[in-house]
Amino acid sequence: MWDDPTEPGPVQGDTIETQAQTEAHLRAFRAHWERCRRGGDVPMRADIDPRGIEPLISSAFIAERIAPGMVRLRVAGMHLNDLMGMEVRGMPLATFIEPGDRDAFALRLVDLFDGPAVLRFALRARRGIGRPALGGTLMLLPLRSDLGDISRALGCLVTDGASGRTPRRFGIADAETLPLSGAAPRRAAPPLRTLAGGRSQAPTGPRDRSHLRLVT
């Protein structure tokens, strides 16, 4: 029989100390990302040094945007595999979210890349047979790909209890979006002008090679 997922679980004596340590690790995790920002811009994927996020390396991941509101995991720490009970590389990040919260989660992911913005979620997994109370924090920080577009994210998913029977999925208890200041905005494509015969052509002029993108 399922327990009420909103009912608080047993409180352990070291809960406050553990939460304080987790918060310290999360601050250090974001601080490394902040140090990689050049002139306040979104850092490149290649700028992230695993040694800078070592305390949370097993909970860390790199995600790739595959569509508006959708990302998949490219690299993931062992803790994410443990939560799902399988290898999660290549899976959508939304796999960890309860189906009823996935639409709201997708809207936040749009802000992550298009804002850009930093995202932080307070998570709570349902309790049940073989599944003890489990809370968590998910943090997502935008990154630029090797092509320069904001389509990658550095993230971590830390939890505060035993995983129990897997897979574990989380409901969103709270969400915070922090827009970034100083991030270089996306430049819009030049307007098309109409020629005789109904054809359209972009304005002539020197080509900006930074606009070239590889399409696969």
N, C-alpha and C. Protein backbone atom coordinates (compact mmCIF):
# COMPACT_ATOMS: atom_id res chain seq x y z
N MET A 1 0.85 -1.19 0.00
CA MET A 1 0.00 0.00 0.00
C MET A 1 0.88 1.23 0.00
N TRP A 2 0.51 2.21 -0.83
CA TRP A 2 1.34 3.40 -0.97
C TRP A 2 1.10 4.35 0.19
N ASP A 3 2.20 4.92 0.70
CA ASP A 3 2.09 5.96 1.72
C ASP A 3 1.80 7.29 1.04
N ASP A 4 1.31 8.23 1.83
CA ASP A 4 1.08 9.58 1.32
C ASP A 4 2.43 10.20 0.96
N PRO A 5 2.64 10.57 -0.34
CA PRO A 5 3.96 11.10 -0.73
C PRO A 5 4.28 12.42 -0.08
N THR A 6 3.26 13.13 0.45
CA THR A 6 3.52 14.42 1.08
C THR A 6 3.81 14.28 2.57
N GLU A 7 3.60 13.08 3.11
CA GLU A 7 3.85 12.87 4.54
C GLU A 7 5.34 12.85 4.80
N PRO A 8 5.83 13.62 5.78
CA PRO A 8 7.27 13.64 6.04
C PRO A 8 7.77 12.29 6.51
N GLY A 9 8.97 11.94 6.08
CA GLY A 9 9.57 10.68 6.47
C GLY A 9 10.28 10.82 7.80
N PRO A 10 10.93 9.75 8.24
CA PRO A 10 11.64 9.79 9.52
C PRO A 10 12.81 10.76 9.47
N VAL A 11 13.00 11.48 10.56
CA VAL A 11 14.08 12.47 10.63
C VAL A 11 15.28 11.83 11.30
N GLN A 12 16.43 11.91 10.67
CA GLN A 12 17.65 11.35 11.22
C GLN A 12 18.42 12.45 11.95
N GLY A 13 19.24 12.04 12.92
CA GLY A 13 19.94 13.01 13.73
C GLY A 13 20.92 13.87 12.95
N ASP A 14 21.46 13.31 11.88
CA ASP A 14 22.47 14.07 11.13
C ASP A 14 21.88 14.77 9.92
N THR A 15 20.53 14.92 9.85
CA THR A 15 19.91 15.51 8.67
C THR A 15 20.38 16.93 8.43
N ILE A 16 20.40 17.75 9.48
CA ILE A 16 20.79 19.15 9.32
C ILE A 16 22.23 19.25 8.85
N GLU A 17 23.11 18.44 9.45
CA GLU A 17 24.52 18.46 9.06
C GLU A 17 24.69 18.01 7.61
N THR A 18 23.95 16.98 7.23
CA THR A 18 24.04 16.47 5.85
C THR A 18 23.54 17.51 4.86
N GLN A 19 22.43 18.18 5.18
CA GLN A 19 21.90 19.20 4.29
C GLN A 19 22.87 20.36 4.14
N ALA A 20 23.52 20.75 5.24
CA ALA A 20 24.49 21.84 5.18
C ALA A 20 25.67 21.46 4.29
N GLN A 21 26.11 20.21 4.40
CA GLN A 21 27.22 19.75 3.56
C GLN A 21 26.81 19.72 2.10
N THR A 22 25.59 19.25 1.82
CA THR A 22 25.10 19.22 0.45
C THR A 22 25.03 20.62 -0.14
N GLU A 23 24.53 21.58 0.64
CA GLU A 23 24.45 22.96 0.16
C GLU A 23 25.84 23.51 -0.13
N ALA A 24 26.81 23.18 0.71
CA ALA A 24 28.18 23.64 0.48
C ALA A 24 28.72 23.07 -0.83
N HIS A 25 28.43 21.79 -1.10
CA HIS A 25 28.88 21.17 -2.34
C HIS A 25 28.18 21.80 -3.54
N LEU A 26 26.90 22.12 -3.41
CA LEU A 26 26.16 22.75 -4.51
C LEU A 26 26.71 24.15 -4.80
N ARG A 27 27.05 24.88 -3.76
CA ARG A 27 27.64 26.21 -3.96
C ARG A 27 28.98 26.10 -4.67
N ALA A 28 29.79 25.12 -4.27
CA ALA A 28 31.08 24.92 -4.93
C ALA A 28 30.90 24.49 -6.38
N PHE A 29 29.88 23.68 -6.64
CA PHE A 29 29.58 23.22 -7.99
C PHE A 29 29.28 24.41 -8.89
N ARG A 30 28.40 25.28 -8.41
CA ARG A 30 28.07 26.46 -9.22
C ARG A 30 29.24 27.42 -9.30
N ALA A 31 30.02 27.54 -8.23
CA ALA A 31 31.16 28.45 -8.23
C ALA A 31 32.15 28.08 -9.32
N HIS A 32 32.37 26.78 -9.54
CA HIS A 32 33.27 26.37 -10.62
C HIS A 32 32.72 26.82 -11.96
N TRP A 33 31.42 26.65 -12.18
CA TRP A 33 30.80 27.10 -13.42
C TRP A 33 30.94 28.62 -13.57
N GLU A 34 30.75 29.36 -12.49
CA GLU A 34 30.88 30.83 -12.53
C GLU A 34 32.29 31.24 -12.91
N ARG A 35 33.29 30.51 -12.40
CA ARG A 35 34.68 30.85 -12.73
C ARG A 35 34.98 30.63 -14.20
N CYS A 36 34.21 29.76 -14.84
CA CYS A 36 34.43 29.48 -16.27
C CYS A 36 33.77 30.51 -17.17
N ARG A 37 32.96 31.40 -16.61
CA ARG A 37 32.30 32.43 -17.42
C ARG A 37 33.31 33.51 -17.78
N ARG A 38 33.43 33.78 -19.06
CA ARG A 38 34.38 34.78 -19.54
C ARG A 38 33.61 36.06 -19.82
N GLY A 39 33.90 37.09 -19.03
CA GLY A 39 33.18 38.34 -19.20
C GLY A 39 31.70 38.21 -18.90
N GLY A 40 31.33 37.26 -18.07
CA GLY A 40 29.94 37.08 -17.72
C GLY A 40 29.14 36.27 -18.71
N ASP A 41 29.79 35.74 -19.75
CA ASP A 41 29.08 34.97 -20.76
C ASP A 41 28.89 33.52 -20.29
N VAL A 42 28.07 32.78 -21.03
CA VAL A 42 27.87 31.36 -20.74
C VAL A 42 29.14 30.60 -21.10
N PRO A 43 29.67 29.78 -20.22
CA PRO A 43 30.93 29.08 -20.52
C PRO A 43 30.77 28.00 -21.58
N MET A 44 31.89 27.63 -22.15
CA MET A 44 31.92 26.54 -23.13
C MET A 44 31.91 25.20 -22.39
N ARG A 45 31.41 24.20 -23.07
CA ARG A 45 31.43 22.84 -22.51
C ARG A 45 32.86 22.43 -22.17
N ALA A 46 33.81 22.77 -23.04
CA ALA A 46 35.20 22.35 -22.85
C ALA A 46 35.87 23.05 -21.67
N ASP A 47 35.26 24.13 -21.15
CA ASP A 47 35.86 24.86 -20.03
C ASP A 47 35.66 24.14 -18.70
N ILE A 48 34.71 23.23 -18.63
CA ILE A 48 34.40 22.57 -17.36
C ILE A 48 35.46 21.53 -17.04
N ASP A 49 36.05 21.66 -15.86
CA ASP A 49 37.09 20.74 -15.40
C ASP A 49 36.48 19.81 -14.34
N PRO A 50 36.46 18.51 -14.58
CA PRO A 50 35.88 17.59 -13.59
C PRO A 50 36.47 17.75 -12.19
N ARG A 51 37.72 18.18 -12.10
CA ARG A 51 38.34 18.35 -10.79
C ARG A 51 37.66 19.47 -10.00
N GLY A 52 37.05 20.42 -10.73
CA GLY A 52 36.39 21.54 -10.06
C GLY A 52 35.05 21.18 -9.46
N ILE A 53 34.49 20.02 -9.83
CA ILE A 53 33.20 19.59 -9.30
C ILE A 53 33.32 18.22 -8.63
N GLU A 54 34.53 17.90 -8.19
CA GLU A 54 34.81 16.55 -7.69
C GLU A 54 33.89 16.09 -6.56
N PRO A 55 33.51 16.95 -5.59
CA PRO A 55 32.64 16.45 -4.51
C PRO A 55 31.30 15.91 -5.00
N LEU A 56 30.81 16.40 -6.14
CA LEU A 56 29.52 15.95 -6.67
C LEU A 56 29.67 15.22 -8.00
N ILE A 57 30.86 14.72 -8.30
CA ILE A 57 31.09 14.14 -9.62
C ILE A 57 30.18 12.95 -9.89
N SER A 58 29.85 12.16 -8.88
CA SER A 58 29.00 11.00 -9.11
C SER A 58 27.55 11.39 -9.36
N SER A 59 27.19 12.62 -8.99
CA SER A 59 25.82 13.12 -9.20
C SER A 59 25.73 14.07 -10.38
N ALA A 60 26.86 14.32 -11.05
CA ALA A 60 26.90 15.32 -12.12
C ALA A 60 26.60 14.70 -13.48
N PHE A 61 26.24 15.58 -14.41
CA PHE A 61 25.98 15.12 -15.78
C PHE A 61 26.12 16.28 -16.75
N ILE A 62 26.29 15.92 -18.01
CA ILE A 62 26.24 16.87 -19.12
C ILE A 62 25.04 16.48 -19.98
N ALA A 63 24.18 17.45 -20.26
CA ALA A 63 22.98 17.20 -21.06
C ALA A 63 23.03 18.02 -22.34
N GLU A 64 22.35 17.52 -23.36
CA GLU A 64 22.31 18.16 -24.67
C GLU A 64 20.86 18.47 -25.04
N ARG A 65 20.64 19.69 -25.51
CA ARG A 65 19.31 20.06 -25.98
C ARG A 65 19.04 19.37 -27.31
N ILE A 66 17.91 18.68 -27.41
CA ILE A 66 17.57 18.00 -28.66
C ILE A 66 16.32 18.60 -29.29
N ALA A 67 15.57 19.38 -28.54
CA ALA A 67 14.37 20.08 -29.02
C ALA A 67 13.98 21.06 -27.92
N PRO A 68 13.15 22.06 -28.23
CA PRO A 68 12.70 22.96 -27.17
C PRO A 68 12.04 22.19 -26.03
N GLY A 69 12.57 22.36 -24.83
CA GLY A 69 12.00 21.68 -23.67
C GLY A 69 12.42 20.24 -23.51
N MET A 70 13.39 19.78 -24.31
CA MET A 70 13.84 18.38 -24.23
C MET A 70 15.36 18.33 -24.23
N VAL A 71 15.91 17.57 -23.28
CA VAL A 71 17.36 17.35 -23.25
C VAL A 71 17.62 15.87 -22.99
N ARG A 72 18.76 15.41 -23.47
CA ARG A 72 19.16 14.03 -23.19
C ARG A 72 20.53 14.04 -22.53
N LEU A 73 20.80 13.01 -21.78
CA LEU A 73 22.05 12.91 -21.04
C LEU A 73 23.15 12.39 -21.95
N ARG A 74 24.23 13.14 -22.03
CA ARG A 74 25.39 12.70 -22.81
C ARG A 74 26.41 11.99 -21.92
N VAL A 75 26.61 12.51 -20.73
CA VAL A 75 27.51 11.92 -19.73
C VAL A 75 26.79 12.00 -18.39
N ALA A 76 26.85 10.94 -17.61
CA ALA A 76 26.15 10.95 -16.32
C ALA A 76 26.95 10.18 -15.28
N GLY A 77 26.93 10.70 -14.04
CA GLY A 77 27.61 10.04 -12.93
C GLY A 77 26.88 8.80 -12.46
N MET A 78 27.55 8.00 -11.68
CA MET A 78 27.01 6.71 -11.25
C MET A 78 25.76 6.85 -10.39
N HIS A 79 25.63 7.95 -9.67
CA HIS A 79 24.45 8.11 -8.81
C HIS A 79 23.17 8.14 -9.62
N LEU A 80 23.22 8.73 -10.81
CA LEU A 80 22.03 8.76 -11.66
C LEU A 80 21.68 7.36 -12.14
N ASN A 81 22.70 6.57 -12.46
CA ASN A 81 22.44 5.17 -12.84
C ASN A 81 21.80 4.41 -11.67
N ASP A 82 22.29 4.68 -10.45
CA ASP A 82 21.75 4.00 -9.28
C ASP A 82 20.28 4.35 -9.05
N LEU A 83 19.92 5.61 -9.27
CA LEU A 83 18.54 6.03 -9.07
C LEU A 83 17.59 5.38 -10.07
N MET A 84 18.07 5.17 -11.28
CA MET A 84 17.22 4.60 -12.32
C MET A 84 17.35 3.08 -12.40
N GLY A 85 18.42 2.54 -11.80
CA GLY A 85 18.64 1.10 -11.86
C GLY A 85 19.15 0.62 -13.20
N MET A 86 19.71 1.52 -13.98
CA MET A 86 20.23 1.18 -15.31
C MET A 86 21.12 2.31 -15.81
N GLU A 87 21.81 2.05 -16.90
CA GLU A 87 22.62 3.08 -17.55
C GLU A 87 21.70 4.15 -18.12
N VAL A 88 21.95 5.43 -17.77
CA VAL A 88 21.05 6.50 -18.19
C VAL A 88 21.61 7.34 -19.34
N ARG A 89 22.84 7.10 -19.71
CA ARG A 89 23.42 7.88 -20.80
C ARG A 89 22.59 7.72 -22.07
N GLY A 90 22.22 8.84 -22.68
CA GLY A 90 21.39 8.82 -23.88
C GLY A 90 19.91 8.95 -23.59
N MET A 91 19.51 8.86 -22.32
CA MET A 91 18.10 8.95 -21.95
C MET A 91 17.70 10.41 -21.75
N PRO A 92 16.42 10.75 -21.93
CA PRO A 92 15.95 12.11 -21.62
C PRO A 92 16.08 12.39 -20.12
N LEU A 93 16.47 13.60 -19.79
CA LEU A 93 16.57 13.97 -18.37
C LEU A 93 15.20 13.88 -17.70
N ALA A 94 14.14 14.12 -18.46
CA ALA A 94 12.78 14.07 -17.91
C ALA A 94 12.39 12.69 -17.42
N THR A 95 13.19 11.67 -17.73
CA THR A 95 12.92 10.33 -17.22
C THR A 95 12.90 10.32 -15.69
N PHE A 96 13.64 11.22 -15.07
CA PHE A 96 13.70 11.28 -13.61
C PHE A 96 12.51 12.03 -13.00
N ILE A 97 11.68 12.63 -13.85
CA ILE A 97 10.56 13.45 -13.37
C ILE A 97 9.25 12.69 -13.50
N GLU A 98 8.37 12.82 -12.52
CA GLU A 98 7.05 12.20 -12.59
C GLU A 98 6.30 12.71 -13.83
N PRO A 99 5.57 11.84 -14.53
CA PRO A 99 4.88 12.25 -15.76
C PRO A 99 4.01 13.49 -15.59
N GLY A 100 3.35 13.65 -14.45
CA GLY A 100 2.47 14.79 -14.26
C GLY A 100 3.19 16.12 -14.17
N ASP A 101 4.50 16.11 -13.94
CA ASP A 101 5.27 17.35 -13.82
C ASP A 101 6.16 17.61 -15.04
N ARG A 102 6.09 16.76 -16.02
CA ARG A 102 7.04 16.89 -17.14
C ARG A 102 6.76 18.09 -18.03
N ASP A 103 5.51 18.49 -18.19
CA ASP A 103 5.22 19.67 -19.01
C ASP A 103 5.81 20.92 -18.37
N ALA A 104 5.62 21.06 -17.06
CA ALA A 104 6.19 22.21 -16.35
C ALA A 104 7.71 22.18 -16.40
N PHE A 105 8.28 20.99 -16.30
CA PHE A 105 9.73 20.83 -16.38
C PHE A 105 10.23 21.26 -17.76
N ALA A 106 9.51 20.89 -18.81
CA ALA A 106 9.91 21.25 -20.17
C ALA A 106 9.91 22.77 -20.36
N LEU A 107 8.94 23.46 -19.79
CA LEU A 107 8.90 24.92 -19.92
C LEU A 107 10.11 25.56 -19.25
N ARG A 108 10.53 25.01 -18.14
CA ARG A 108 11.73 25.53 -17.46
C ARG A 108 12.98 25.28 -18.30
N LEU A 109 13.03 24.15 -18.99
CA LEU A 109 14.19 23.85 -19.83
C LEU A 109 14.30 24.84 -20.99
N VAL A 110 13.18 25.34 -21.48
CA VAL A 110 13.22 26.37 -22.52
C VAL A 110 13.94 27.61 -21.97
N ASP A 111 13.62 28.00 -20.75
CA ASP A 111 14.28 29.15 -20.13
C ASP A 111 15.78 28.92 -19.94
N LEU A 112 16.16 27.69 -19.62
CA LEU A 112 17.56 27.35 -19.40
C LEU A 112 18.42 27.76 -20.58
N PHE A 113 17.97 27.44 -21.78
CA PHE A 113 18.78 27.69 -22.98
C PHE A 113 18.44 29.02 -23.65
N ASP A 114 17.17 29.39 -23.70
CA ASP A 114 16.78 30.59 -24.43
C ASP A 114 16.95 31.85 -23.61
N GLY A 115 16.95 31.72 -22.26
CA GLY A 115 17.10 32.90 -21.42
C GLY A 115 18.42 33.63 -21.65
N PRO A 116 19.55 33.01 -21.40
CA PRO A 116 19.66 31.75 -20.65
C PRO A 116 19.44 31.99 -19.16
N ALA A 117 19.34 30.89 -18.42
CA ALA A 117 19.07 31.00 -16.99
C ALA A 117 19.62 29.79 -16.25
N VAL A 118 19.81 29.96 -14.96
CA VAL A 118 20.17 28.87 -14.07
C VAL A 118 18.88 28.32 -13.46
N LEU A 119 18.75 27.00 -13.42
CA LEU A 119 17.56 26.37 -12.86
C LEU A 119 17.92 25.57 -11.62
N ARG A 120 17.01 25.61 -10.66
CA ARG A 120 17.16 24.76 -9.47
C ARG A 120 15.79 24.23 -9.07
N PHE A 121 15.72 22.92 -8.84
CA PHE A 121 14.47 22.27 -8.48
C PHE A 121 14.62 21.56 -7.14
N ALA A 122 13.60 21.69 -6.30
CA ALA A 122 13.48 20.85 -5.10
C ALA A 122 12.58 19.68 -5.48
N LEU A 123 13.06 18.47 -5.26
CA LEU A 123 12.37 17.27 -5.73
C LEU A 123 11.94 16.39 -4.56
N ARG A 124 10.89 15.63 -4.79
CA ARG A 124 10.42 14.68 -3.78
C ARG A 124 9.89 13.44 -4.48
N ALA A 125 10.47 12.29 -4.13
CA ALA A 125 10.03 11.02 -4.72
C ALA A 125 8.95 10.38 -3.86
N ARG A 126 8.04 9.67 -4.50
CA ARG A 126 6.97 8.98 -3.78
C ARG A 126 7.53 7.86 -2.92
N ARG A 127 6.93 7.68 -1.75
CA ARG A 127 7.29 6.54 -0.91
C ARG A 127 6.35 5.37 -1.20
N GLY A 128 6.87 4.18 -0.99
CA GLY A 128 6.06 2.99 -1.20
C GLY A 128 6.82 1.76 -0.75
N ILE A 129 6.33 0.61 -1.12
CA ILE A 129 6.97 -0.64 -0.73
C ILE A 129 8.38 -0.70 -1.32
N GLY A 130 9.37 -0.79 -0.46
CA GLY A 130 10.76 -0.84 -0.91
C GLY A 130 11.30 0.49 -1.36
N ARG A 131 10.50 1.55 -1.22
CA ARG A 131 10.93 2.88 -1.65
C ARG A 131 10.78 3.86 -0.48
N PRO A 132 11.86 4.11 0.25
CA PRO A 132 11.80 5.03 1.39
C PRO A 132 11.66 6.47 0.92
N ALA A 133 11.35 7.35 1.87
CA ALA A 133 11.27 8.78 1.56
C ALA A 133 12.58 9.24 0.93
N LEU A 134 12.47 10.03 -0.12
CA LEU A 134 13.67 10.46 -0.84
C LEU A 134 13.44 11.85 -1.42
N GLY A 135 14.23 12.79 -0.97
CA GLY A 135 14.20 14.14 -1.51
C GLY A 135 15.44 14.38 -2.35
N GLY A 136 15.44 15.46 -3.10
CA GLY A 136 16.59 15.74 -3.93
C GLY A 136 16.62 17.18 -4.41
N THR A 137 17.75 17.56 -4.96
CA THR A 137 17.93 18.87 -5.57
C THR A 137 18.54 18.66 -6.95
N LEU A 138 17.94 19.30 -7.93
CA LEU A 138 18.44 19.27 -9.31
C LEU A 138 18.86 20.68 -9.69
N MET A 139 20.11 20.83 -10.11
CA MET A 139 20.62 22.12 -10.57
C MET A 139 21.06 21.99 -12.02
N LEU A 140 20.71 22.99 -12.83
CA LEU A 140 21.08 22.99 -14.25
C LEU A 140 21.71 24.33 -14.60
N LEU A 141 22.88 24.28 -15.23
CA LEU A 141 23.65 25.46 -15.61
C LEU A 141 23.94 25.42 -17.10
N PRO A 142 23.59 26.46 -17.86
CA PRO A 142 23.75 26.42 -19.32
C PRO A 142 25.21 26.44 -19.75
N LEU A 143 25.47 25.79 -20.88
CA LEU A 143 26.80 25.76 -21.49
C LEU A 143 26.67 25.98 -22.99
N ARG A 144 27.77 26.43 -23.59
CA ARG A 144 27.85 26.52 -25.04
C ARG A 144 28.52 25.26 -25.59
N SER A 145 28.06 24.82 -26.75
CA SER A 145 28.70 23.70 -27.43
C SER A 145 29.97 24.18 -28.12
N ASP A 146 30.68 23.28 -28.77
CA ASP A 146 31.88 23.65 -29.52
C ASP A 146 31.55 24.60 -30.66
N LEU A 147 30.30 24.61 -31.11
CA LEU A 147 29.87 25.52 -32.17
C LEU A 147 29.50 26.90 -31.64
N GLY A 148 29.45 27.04 -30.33
CA GLY A 148 29.16 28.34 -29.74
C GLY A 148 27.71 28.57 -29.36
N ASP A 149 26.81 27.66 -29.73
CA ASP A 149 25.41 27.85 -29.38
C ASP A 149 25.14 27.31 -27.97
N ILE A 150 24.15 27.87 -27.30
CA ILE A 150 23.80 27.43 -25.95
C ILE A 150 22.88 26.23 -26.08
N SER A 151 23.48 25.05 -26.11
CA SER A 151 22.71 23.82 -26.31
C SER A 151 23.19 22.68 -25.41
N ARG A 152 24.02 22.99 -24.44
CA ARG A 152 24.50 22.02 -23.48
C ARG A 152 24.19 22.52 -22.07
N ALA A 153 24.20 21.62 -21.12
CA ALA A 153 23.97 22.02 -19.73
C ALA A 153 24.82 21.16 -18.82
N LEU A 154 25.38 21.80 -17.81
CA LEU A 154 26.04 21.10 -16.71
C LEU A 154 25.02 20.98 -15.60
N GLY A 155 24.84 19.78 -15.09
CA GLY A 155 23.84 19.60 -14.04
C GLY A 155 24.29 18.65 -12.97
N CYS A 156 23.54 18.63 -11.88
CA CYS A 156 23.75 17.64 -10.84
C CYS A 156 22.41 17.32 -10.19
N LEU A 157 22.27 16.08 -9.78
CA LEU A 157 21.07 15.61 -9.09
C LEU A 157 21.52 14.92 -7.82
N VAL A 158 21.35 15.61 -6.70
CA VAL A 158 21.77 15.07 -5.41
C VAL A 158 20.52 14.68 -4.61
N THR A 159 20.61 13.60 -3.86
CA THR A 159 19.48 13.13 -3.07
C THR A 159 19.88 12.99 -1.61
N ASP A 160 18.86 12.92 -0.74
CA ASP A 160 19.14 12.94 0.70
C ASP A 160 18.63 11.70 1.42
N GLY A 161 18.56 10.59 0.72
CA GLY A 161 18.11 9.36 1.36
C GLY A 161 18.52 8.15 0.55
N ALA A 162 18.15 6.98 1.03
CA ALA A 162 18.46 5.74 0.31
C ALA A 162 17.56 5.62 -0.92
N SER A 163 18.13 5.11 -2.01
CA SER A 163 17.37 5.00 -3.26
C SER A 163 16.26 3.97 -3.15
N GLY A 164 16.53 2.85 -2.49
CA GLY A 164 15.53 1.80 -2.39
C GLY A 164 15.29 1.14 -3.74
N ARG A 165 14.07 0.62 -3.91
CA ARG A 165 13.74 -0.08 -5.15
C ARG A 165 13.65 0.91 -6.31
N THR A 166 14.32 0.59 -7.39
CA THR A 166 14.38 1.49 -8.54
C THR A 166 13.43 1.00 -9.63
N PRO A 167 13.10 1.90 -10.58
CA PRO A 167 13.57 3.27 -10.72
C PRO A 167 12.86 4.23 -9.78
N ARG A 168 13.56 5.35 -9.45
CA ARG A 168 12.96 6.40 -8.65
C ARG A 168 12.71 7.61 -9.54
N ARG A 169 11.51 8.14 -9.46
CA ARG A 169 11.15 9.35 -10.19
C ARG A 169 10.66 10.39 -9.19
N PHE A 170 10.80 11.65 -9.57
CA PHE A 170 10.58 12.74 -8.62
C PHE A 170 9.50 13.70 -9.09
N GLY A 171 8.70 14.14 -8.14
CA GLY A 171 7.80 15.26 -8.38
C GLY A 171 8.53 16.55 -8.06
N ILE A 172 8.09 17.64 -8.66
CA ILE A 172 8.72 18.95 -8.43
C ILE A 172 7.99 19.64 -7.28
N ALA A 173 8.70 19.81 -6.16
CA ALA A 173 8.13 20.49 -5.01
C ALA A 173 8.29 22.00 -5.12
N ASP A 174 9.36 22.44 -5.76
CA ASP A 174 9.62 23.87 -5.93
C ASP A 174 10.59 24.03 -7.08
N ALA A 175 10.53 25.18 -7.74
CA ALA A 175 11.43 25.45 -8.87
C ALA A 175 11.83 26.91 -8.86
N GLU A 176 13.08 27.16 -9.19
CA GLU A 176 13.62 28.52 -9.22
C GLU A 176 14.35 28.74 -10.54
N THR A 177 14.05 29.85 -11.19
CA THR A 177 14.72 30.24 -12.43
C THR A 177 15.45 31.55 -12.19
N LEU A 178 16.76 31.55 -12.42
CA LEU A 178 17.57 32.75 -12.22
C LEU A 178 18.14 33.19 -13.56
N PRO A 179 17.54 34.21 -14.20
CA PRO A 179 18.08 34.69 -15.49
C PRO A 179 19.51 35.19 -15.32
N LEU A 180 20.32 34.96 -16.34
CA LEU A 180 21.72 35.37 -16.30
C LEU A 180 21.86 36.78 -16.83
N SER A 181 22.67 37.56 -16.16
CA SER A 181 23.02 38.89 -16.66
C SER A 181 24.40 38.81 -17.29
N GLY A 182 24.59 39.54 -18.37
CA GLY A 182 25.89 39.57 -19.03
C GLY A 182 26.10 38.50 -20.06
N ALA A 183 25.15 37.58 -20.23
CA ALA A 183 25.29 36.53 -21.25
C ALA A 183 25.03 37.14 -22.61
N ALA A 184 25.88 36.78 -23.58
CA ALA A 184 25.74 37.32 -24.93
C ALA A 184 24.42 36.87 -25.53
N PRO A 185 23.59 37.81 -26.02
CA PRO A 185 22.31 37.41 -26.62
C PRO A 185 22.51 36.74 -27.96
N ARG A 186 21.51 35.99 -28.38
CA ARG A 186 21.55 35.40 -29.71
C ARG A 186 21.30 36.50 -30.73
N ARG A 187 22.05 36.46 -31.83
CA ARG A 187 21.82 37.43 -32.90
C ARG A 187 20.83 36.86 -33.89
N ALA A 188 19.82 37.66 -34.23
CA ALA A 188 18.80 37.20 -35.17
C ALA A 188 19.37 37.11 -36.57
N ALA A 189 18.81 36.21 -37.37
CA ALA A 189 19.23 36.08 -38.76
C ALA A 189 18.85 37.35 -39.52
N PRO A 190 19.64 37.77 -40.54
CA PRO A 190 19.32 38.98 -41.30
C PRO A 190 18.00 38.82 -42.03
N PRO A 191 17.22 39.91 -42.17
CA PRO A 191 15.93 39.81 -42.86
C PRO A 191 16.13 39.52 -44.34
N LEU A 192 15.16 38.83 -44.93
CA LEU A 192 15.18 38.53 -46.35
C LEU A 192 14.54 39.67 -47.13
N ARG A 193 15.07 39.98 -48.30
CA ARG A 193 14.42 40.97 -49.16
C ARG A 193 13.93 40.27 -50.42
N THR A 194 12.79 40.70 -50.90
CA THR A 194 12.14 40.06 -52.04
C THR A 194 12.70 40.60 -53.35
N LEU A 195 13.03 39.68 -54.26
CA LEU A 195 13.52 40.05 -55.58
C LEU A 195 12.43 39.83 -56.60
N ALA A 196 12.67 40.28 -57.80
CA ALA A 196 11.73 40.06 -58.89
C ALA A 196 11.53 38.56 -59.09
N GLY A 197 10.30 38.16 -59.33
CA GLY A 197 10.00 36.75 -59.52
C GLY A 197 9.62 36.06 -58.23
N GLY A 198 9.56 36.82 -57.12
CA GLY A 198 9.10 36.23 -55.87
C GLY A 198 10.17 35.55 -55.06
N ARG A 199 11.42 35.53 -55.54
CA ARG A 199 12.48 34.90 -54.77
C ARG A 199 12.94 35.82 -53.65
N SER A 200 13.52 35.22 -52.62
CA SER A 200 14.03 36.01 -51.50
C SER A 200 15.52 35.81 -51.38
N GLN A 201 16.20 36.85 -50.93
CA GLN A 201 17.65 36.78 -50.80
C GLN A 201 18.06 37.60 -49.59
N ALA A 202 19.03 37.08 -48.85
CA ALA A 202 19.55 37.82 -47.71
C ALA A 202 20.35 39.00 -48.20
N PRO A 203 20.43 40.09 -47.43
CA PRO A 203 21.22 41.25 -47.84
C PRO A 203 22.66 40.85 -48.12
N THR A 204 23.23 41.47 -49.16
CA THR A 204 24.61 41.18 -49.52
C THR A 204 25.54 41.91 -48.58
N GLY A 205 26.77 41.44 -48.51
CA GLY A 205 27.75 42.05 -47.64
C GLY A 205 28.73 41.00 -47.17
N PRO A 206 29.73 41.41 -46.41
CA PRO A 206 30.73 40.44 -45.93
C PRO A 206 30.08 39.37 -45.08
N ARG A 207 30.50 38.13 -45.28
CA ARG A 207 29.98 37.02 -44.50
C ARG A 207 30.64 37.00 -43.12
N ASP A 208 29.86 36.77 -42.12
CA ASP A 208 30.38 36.60 -40.76
C ASP A 208 30.55 35.11 -40.52
N ARG A 209 31.78 34.63 -40.51
CA ARG A 209 32.03 33.20 -40.41
C ARG A 209 31.56 32.62 -39.09
N SER A 210 31.37 33.51 -38.08
CA SER A 210 30.90 32.99 -36.80
C SER A 210 29.47 32.49 -36.88
N HIS A 211 28.76 32.83 -37.97
CA HIS A 211 27.38 32.36 -38.12
C HIS A 211 27.31 30.98 -38.74
N LEU A 212 28.44 30.47 -39.25
CA LEU A 212 28.40 29.16 -39.89
C LEU A 212 28.17 28.09 -38.84
N ARG A 213 27.27 27.17 -39.16
CA ARG A 213 26.98 26.06 -38.26
C ARG A 213 26.93 24.77 -39.04
N LEU A 214 27.41 23.72 -38.42
CA LEU A 214 27.39 22.40 -39.03
C LEU A 214 26.01 21.79 -38.83
N VAL A 215 25.39 21.36 -39.90
CA VAL A 215 24.08 20.73 -39.83
C VAL A 215 24.25 19.27 -40.16
N THR A 216 23.80 18.40 -39.24
CA THR A 216 23.93 16.95 -39.47
C THR A 216 22.56 16.33 -39.53
